[in-house]
């Protein structure tokens, strides 16, 4: 049985996902330490399940961050929409001449 299902991960807030991720990483390092020390692990498949859950949490976070996938759409719907701000007009900049042309014009002027 998985530690967490994808549905549970998607429904969590970003902060809760980060907390769960930290907890899982601590537990994974504890289990790995026990294995390296030669201790008997009660459930050897637990390591695989933890690694898999960590990967799923990171995947959901990245999908939301990049705005891709079906998980990102759910997260956007939950956020309140802000009023659209008017874009500021940028001052027009004079055209830049390539460096070689500037140097050529300066040598002609001398």
C-alpha atoms as a PDB file:
ATOM      1  CA  UNK A   1       0.000   0.000   0.000  1.00  0.00           C
ATOM      2  CA  UNK A   2       1.457   3.389  -0.971  1.00  0.00           C
ATOM      3  CA  UNK A   3       2.383   5.954   1.637  1.00  0.00           C
ATOM      4  CA  UNK A   4       0.332   8.633  -0.139  1.00  0.00           C
ATOM      5  CA  UNK A   5      -1.849   8.516  -3.187  1.00  0.00           C
ATOM      6  CA  UNK A   6      -1.508  11.079  -5.977  1.00  0.00           C
ATOM      7  CA  UNK A   7      -4.962  12.419  -5.208  1.00  0.00           C
ATOM      8  CA  UNK A   8      -3.873  13.191  -1.642  1.00  0.00           C
ATOM      9  CA  UNK A   9      -0.688  14.883  -2.845  1.00  0.00           C
ATOM     10  CA  UNK A  10      -2.524  17.075  -5.349  1.00  0.00           C
ATOM     11  CA  UNK A  11      -5.117  18.139  -2.779  1.00  0.00           C
ATOM     12  CA  UNK A  12      -2.434  19.259  -0.291  1.00  0.00           C
ATOM     13  CA  UNK A  13      -1.300  22.866  -0.168  1.00  0.00           C
ATOM     14  CA  UNK A  14       2.185  23.697  -1.341  1.00  0.00           C
ATOM     15  CA  UNK A  15       3.341  24.302   2.241  1.00  0.00           C
ATOM     16  CA  UNK A  16       2.015  20.925   3.386  1.00  0.00           C
ATOM     17  CA  UNK A  17       3.738  19.218   0.459  1.00  0.00           C
ATOM     18  CA  UNK A  18       7.045  20.840   1.446  1.00  0.00           C
ATOM     19  CA  UNK A  19       6.633  19.698   5.063  1.00  0.00           C
ATOM     20  CA  UNK A  20       5.757  16.156   3.996  1.00  0.00           C
ATOM     21  CA  UNK A  21       8.735  16.150   1.631  1.00  0.00           C
ATOM     22  CA  UNK A  22      11.093  17.117   4.457  1.00  0.00           C
ATOM     23  CA  UNK A  23       9.624  14.430   6.726  1.00  0.00           C
ATOM     24  CA  UNK A  24       9.972  11.755   4.040  1.00  0.00           C
ATOM     25  CA  UNK A  25      13.582  12.720   3.346  1.00  0.00           C
ATOM     26  CA  UNK A  26      14.426  12.445   7.049  1.00  0.00           C
ATOM     27  CA  UNK A  27      12.743   9.046   7.261  1.00  0.00           C
ATOM     28  CA  UNK A  28      14.551   7.863   4.115  1.00  0.00           C
ATOM     29  CA  UNK A  29      17.939   8.875   5.493  1.00  0.00           C
ATOM     30  CA  UNK A  30      17.124   7.114   8.786  1.00  0.00           C
ATOM     31  CA  UNK A  31      16.221   3.902   6.960  1.00  0.00           C
ATOM     32  CA  UNK A  32      19.329   4.074   4.782  1.00  0.00           C
ATOM     33  CA  UNK A  33      21.464   4.537   7.884  1.00  0.00           C
ATOM     34  CA  UNK A  34      19.897   1.454   9.461  1.00  0.00           C
ATOM     35  CA  UNK A  35      20.579  -0.570   6.314  1.00  0.00           C
ATOM     36  CA  UNK A  36      24.226   0.583   6.129  1.00  0.00           C
ATOM     37  CA  UNK A  37      24.756  -0.251   9.784  1.00  0.00           C
ATOM     38  CA  UNK A  38      23.629  -3.788   9.091  1.00  0.00           C
ATOM     39  CA  UNK A  39      20.453  -3.580  11.116  1.00  0.00           C
ATOM     40  CA  UNK A  40      17.378  -5.522  10.156  1.00  0.00           C
ATOM     41  CA  UNK A  41      14.765  -3.386   8.466  1.00  0.00           C
ATOM     42  CA  UNK A  42      11.233  -4.437   9.299  1.00  0.00           C
ATOM     43  CA  UNK A  43       9.903  -3.562   5.845  1.00  0.00           C
ATOM     44  CA  UNK A  44      12.524  -3.409   3.064  1.00  0.00           C
ATOM     45  CA  UNK A  45      10.020  -2.140   0.482  1.00  0.00           C
ATOM     46  CA  UNK A  46       9.442   0.944   2.634  1.00  0.00           C
ATOM     47  CA  UNK A  47      12.552   2.550   1.106  1.00  0.00           C
ATOM     48  CA  UNK A  48      11.138   2.149  -2.393  1.00  0.00           C
ATOM     49  CA  UNK A  49       7.760   3.560  -1.337  1.00  0.00           C
ATOM     50  CA  UNK A  50       9.357   6.594   0.304  1.00  0.00           C
ATOM     51  CA  UNK A  51      11.529   7.314  -2.741  1.00  0.00           C
ATOM     52  CA  UNK A  52       8.500   7.001  -4.990  1.00  0.00           C
ATOM     53  CA  UNK A  53       6.391   9.343  -2.847  1.00  0.00           C
ATOM     54  CA  UNK A  54       9.200  11.917  -2.787  1.00  0.00           C
ATOM     55  CA  UNK A  55       9.349  11.778  -6.590  1.00  0.00           C
ATOM     56  CA  UNK A  56       5.575  12.198  -6.865  1.00  0.00           C
ATOM     57  CA  UNK A  57       5.578  15.248  -4.586  1.00  0.00           C
ATOM     58  CA  UNK A  58       8.421  16.842  -6.551  1.00  0.00           C
ATOM     59  CA  UNK A  59       6.622  16.105  -9.819  1.00  0.00           C
ATOM     60  CA  UNK A  60       3.413  17.783  -8.679  1.00  0.00           C
ATOM     61  CA  UNK A  61       5.352  20.806  -7.381  1.00  0.00           C
ATOM     62  CA  UNK A  62       7.222  21.195 -10.681  1.00  0.00           C
ATOM     63  CA  UNK A  63       4.061  20.808 -12.748  1.00  0.00           C
ATOM     64  CA  UNK A  64       2.401  23.561 -10.758  1.00  0.00           C
ATOM     65  CA  UNK A  65       5.499  25.755 -10.972  1.00  0.00           C
ATOM     66  CA  UNK A  66       5.715  25.343 -14.758  1.00  0.00           C
ATOM     67  CA  UNK A  67       1.944  25.525 -15.244  1.00  0.00           C
ATOM     68  CA  UNK A  68       1.705  22.207 -17.031  1.00  0.00           C
ATOM     69  CA  UNK A  69      -0.313  19.098 -16.402  1.00  0.00           C
ATOM     70  CA  UNK A  70      -3.722  18.647 -14.879  1.00  0.00           C
ATOM     71  CA  UNK A  71      -2.440  19.382 -11.365  1.00  0.00           C
ATOM     72  CA  UNK A  72      -1.458  22.936 -12.264  1.00  0.00           C
ATOM     73  CA  UNK A  73      -4.980  23.767 -13.411  1.00  0.00           C
ATOM     74  CA  UNK A  74      -6.464  22.730 -10.064  1.00  0.00           C
ATOM     75  CA  UNK A  75      -3.961  24.888  -8.176  1.00  0.00           C
ATOM     76  CA  UNK A  76      -4.727  27.926 -10.364  1.00  0.00           C
ATOM     77  CA  UNK A  77      -8.463  27.564  -9.788  1.00  0.00           C
ATOM     78  CA  UNK A  78      -7.968  27.608  -6.020  1.00  0.00           C
ATOM     79  CA  UNK A  79      -5.998  30.847  -6.065  1.00  0.00           C
ATOM     80  CA  UNK A  80      -8.097  34.035  -6.020  1.00  0.00           C
ATOM     81  CA  UNK A  81      -7.857  36.008  -9.206  1.00  0.00           C
ATOM     82  CA  UNK A  82      -6.200  39.406  -8.960  1.00  0.00           C
ATOM     83  CA  UNK A  83      -7.359  42.433 -10.869  1.00  0.00           C
ATOM     84  CA  UNK A  84      -5.458  42.952 -14.062  1.00  0.00           C
ATOM     85  CA  UNK A  85      -2.965  45.758 -13.745  1.00  0.00           C
ATOM     86  CA  UNK A  86      -2.294  48.100 -16.600  1.00  0.00           C
ATOM     87  CA  UNK A  87       1.040  47.384 -18.200  1.00  0.00           C
ATOM     88  CA  UNK A  88       3.472  50.262 -17.903  1.00  0.00           C
ATOM     89  CA  UNK A  89       4.807  51.727 -21.106  1.00  0.00           C
ATOM     90  CA  UNK A  90       8.528  51.572 -21.357  1.00  0.00           C
ATOM     91  CA  UNK A  91      10.452  54.582 -22.577  1.00  0.00           C
ATOM     92  CA  UNK A  92      11.693  54.113 -26.098  1.00  0.00           C
ATOM     93  CA  UNK A  93      15.413  53.607 -26.273  1.00  0.00           C
ATOM     94  CA  UNK A  94      17.520  54.997 -29.104  1.00  0.00           C
ATOM     95  CA  UNK A  95      18.794  52.444 -31.564  1.00  0.00           C
ATOM     96  CA  UNK A  96      22.080  50.885 -30.640  1.00  0.00           C
ATOM     97  CA  UNK A  97      24.745  50.716 -33.283  1.00  0.00           C
ATOM     98  CA  UNK A  98      27.080  47.767 -33.398  1.00  0.00           C
ATOM     99  CA  UNK A  99      30.429  48.431 -31.780  1.00  0.00           C
ATOM    100  CA  UNK A 100      32.345  48.070 -35.030  1.00  0.00           C
ATOM    101  CA  UNK A 101      30.268  50.806 -36.712  1.00  0.00           C
ATOM    102  CA  UNK A 102      30.738  53.163 -33.742  1.00  0.00           C
ATOM    103  CA  UNK A 103      34.509  52.731 -33.902  1.00  0.00           C
ATOM    104  CA  UNK A 104      34.505  53.280 -37.664  1.00  0.00           C
ATOM    105  CA  UNK A 105      32.514  56.520 -37.299  1.00  0.00           C
ATOM    106  CA  UNK A 106      34.862  57.745 -34.546  1.00  0.00           C
ATOM    107  CA  UNK A 107      37.944  57.142 -36.699  1.00  0.00           C
ATOM    108  CA  UNK A 108      36.339  59.002 -39.640  1.00  0.00           C
ATOM    109  CA  UNK A 109      35.541  61.947 -37.385  1.00  0.00           C
ATOM    110  CA  UNK A 110      39.192  62.289 -36.330  1.00  0.00           C
END
